[in-house]
Amino acid sequence: MMEAFLVPEKTVVNAKGDGPGLDVSQSEGRVFLLTLAITNIIEQESLDLSIFGSGDGATWDAKPVVAFPQKFYREEVPLLLNLTARPEVKFVRAHWEVARWGRGTETPMFEFHVTLREVPQEILAEAAGRVRPS
């Protein structure tokens, strides 16, 4: 079962950027639980975090495969990343954009990390068994 950081712990950003690419081609189920943990901020700022896919780890899709809702506060946010319909995606990486407004410094500051954990096949099979067609 795959478990990794898409953005390392205690990462501090003040401008847009990208995390390192992560090879997910060996995962069995291609369904992952992402967790965005914002551990430190300053007031009046926003964080937009998206996950992009790539077939080779060098050329990245123009549009994200999934995105977290815009964030303003310290919190932990889960998000499901389902790549079962995207077999061409072999690598994923995080991309973030930050903004700040109001008084004080114009430079935003977020400390955060993003984890990726593969969802076990047994859980997916159990969840699928609970879904009944209407």
Protein backbone atom coordinates (compact mmCIF):
# COMPACT_ATOMS: atom_id res chain seq x y z
CA MET A 1 0.00 0.00 0.00
CA MET A 2 1.44 3.33 -1.08
CA GLU A 3 1.89 6.15 1.42
CA ALA A 4 3.91 9.31 0.72
CA PHE A 5 4.15 13.08 1.04
CA LEU A 6 3.17 15.10 -2.04
CA VAL A 7 4.36 18.19 -0.16
CA PRO A 8 6.86 17.51 2.66
CA GLU A 9 6.06 18.32 6.29
CA LYS A 10 6.69 21.89 7.47
CA THR A 11 6.87 23.28 3.92
CA VAL A 12 6.63 27.08 4.06
CA VAL A 13 5.55 28.94 0.92
CA ASN A 14 5.00 32.59 0.06
CA ALA A 15 4.56 32.30 -3.71
CA LYS A 16 3.08 29.85 -6.19
CA GLY A 17 4.96 26.63 -6.76
CA ASP A 18 4.99 22.90 -7.35
CA GLY A 19 5.84 19.88 -5.25
CA PRO A 20 7.97 17.05 -6.57
CA GLY A 21 6.46 14.47 -8.92
CA LEU A 22 5.43 11.18 -7.32
CA ASP A 23 5.31 7.90 -9.26
CA VAL A 24 1.94 6.22 -8.61
CA SER A 25 2.17 3.70 -11.45
CA GLN A 26 2.77 0.73 -9.12
CA SER A 27 -0.34 1.28 -7.00
CA GLU A 28 -2.94 -1.47 -7.24
CA GLY A 29 -6.22 0.38 -6.97
CA ARG A 30 -5.32 3.87 -8.21
CA VAL A 31 -7.59 5.44 -5.58
CA PHE A 32 -5.90 7.63 -2.96
CA LEU A 33 -6.85 9.66 0.07
CA LEU A 34 -5.11 13.03 0.03
CA THR A 35 -4.86 15.08 3.22
CA LEU A 36 -3.95 18.77 3.18
CA ALA A 37 -2.76 19.88 6.61
CA ILE A 38 -2.32 23.64 7.05
CA THR A 39 -0.23 24.08 10.21
CA ASN A 40 0.58 27.82 10.19
CA ILE A 41 -0.73 30.94 8.45
CA ILE A 42 -1.01 34.69 8.75
CA GLU A 43 -4.32 36.50 8.54
CA GLN A 44 -6.10 37.56 5.35
CA GLU A 45 -4.63 35.12 2.87
CA SER A 46 -5.74 32.20 0.71
CA LEU A 47 -4.27 28.92 -0.52
CA ASP A 48 -5.37 27.15 -3.71
CA LEU A 49 -3.96 23.63 -4.03
CA SER A 50 -4.44 21.37 -7.06
CA ILE A 51 -3.09 17.97 -8.07
CA PHE A 52 -1.76 17.55 -11.62
CA GLY A 53 -1.07 14.33 -13.52
CA SER A 54 1.61 13.26 -15.99
CA GLY A 55 2.37 10.20 -18.07
CA ASP A 56 6.15 10.62 -17.92
CA GLY A 57 6.89 12.87 -14.92
CA ALA A 58 8.18 15.65 -17.20
CA THR A 59 5.15 16.95 -19.12
CA TRP A 60 2.18 17.82 -16.91
CA ASP A 61 -1.50 18.06 -17.87
CA ALA A 62 -2.84 21.57 -18.43
CA LYS A 63 -5.75 20.96 -16.05
CA PRO A 64 -5.62 19.42 -12.57
CA VAL A 65 -7.01 15.93 -11.95
CA VAL A 66 -8.46 17.18 -8.63
CA ALA A 67 -8.37 20.35 -6.51
CA PHE A 68 -8.98 21.19 -2.88
CA PRO A 69 -11.48 23.98 -2.13
CA GLN A 70 -9.78 27.34 -1.51
CA LYS A 71 -8.47 27.54 2.07
CA PHE A 72 -7.99 30.44 4.50
CA TYR A 73 -7.38 28.83 7.92
CA ARG A 74 -5.40 26.19 9.79
CA GLU A 75 -7.12 22.88 9.23
CA GLU A 76 -6.85 19.33 7.88
CA VAL A 77 -8.84 18.58 4.74
CA PRO A 78 -9.30 15.13 3.13
CA LEU A 79 -9.89 14.68 -0.60
CA LEU A 80 -10.29 11.54 -2.70
CA LEU A 81 -8.09 11.18 -5.80
CA ASN A 82 -9.52 8.52 -8.13
CA LEU A 83 -7.26 7.70 -11.08
CA THR A 84 -9.06 4.53 -12.18
CA ALA A 85 -10.45 6.28 -15.28
CA ARG A 86 -7.05 7.86 -16.05
CA PRO A 87 -4.65 4.93 -16.75
CA GLU A 88 -2.28 7.26 -18.63
CA VAL A 89 -1.48 9.15 -15.39
CA LYS A 90 1.68 7.62 -13.92
CA PHE A 91 2.87 10.61 -11.84
CA VAL A 92 1.12 13.22 -9.69
CA ARG A 93 2.31 16.44 -8.08
CA ALA A 94 0.85 19.29 -6.06
CA HIS A 95 0.63 22.85 -7.36
CA TRP A 96 -0.21 25.77 -5.09
CA GLU A 97 -1.09 29.41 -5.49
CA VAL A 98 -1.23 31.85 -2.58
CA ALA A 99 -2.67 35.36 -2.20
CA ARG A 100 -2.75 37.97 0.56
CA TRP A 101 -4.81 41.13 1.06
CA GLY A 102 -5.49 43.69 3.78
CA ARG A 103 -3.03 45.52 5.99
CA GLY A 104 0.55 44.61 6.83
CA THR A 105 2.95 42.78 4.58
CA GLU A 106 1.71 41.83 1.12
CA THR A 107 3.64 38.55 1.18
CA PRO A 108 1.53 35.51 2.06
CA MET A 109 2.89 32.71 4.28
CA PHE A 110 1.50 29.20 4.58
CA GLU A 111 3.07 26.23 6.33
CA PHE A 112 1.48 22.99 5.17
CA HIS A 113 1.97 19.46 3.92
CA VAL A 114 0.03 17.04 1.75
CA THR A 115 -0.05 13.29 2.29
CA LEU A 116 -1.15 10.64 -0.18
CA ARG A 117 -2.37 7.26 1.06
CA GLU A 118 -3.59 4.49 -1.21
CA VAL A 119 -7.08 3.26 -0.35
CA PRO A 120 -6.92 -0.54 0.14
CA GLN A 121 -8.80 -2.69 -2.39
CA GLU A 122 -10.83 -4.34 0.40
CA ILE A 123 -12.29 -1.01 1.44
CA LEU A 124 -13.13 -0.13 -2.16
CA ALA A 125 -14.80 -3.52 -2.69
CA GLU A 126 -16.77 -3.16 0.54
CA ALA A 127 -17.88 0.36 -0.38
CA ALA A 128 -18.90 -0.82 -3.87
CA GLY A 129 -21.00 -3.58 -2.31
CA ARG A 130 -22.95 -1.00 -0.31
CA VAL A 131 -23.87 1.04 -3.37
CA ARG A 132 -27.10 -0.18 -4.89
CA PRO A 133 -28.14 0.86 -8.38
CA SER A 134 -31.35 2.87 -8.49
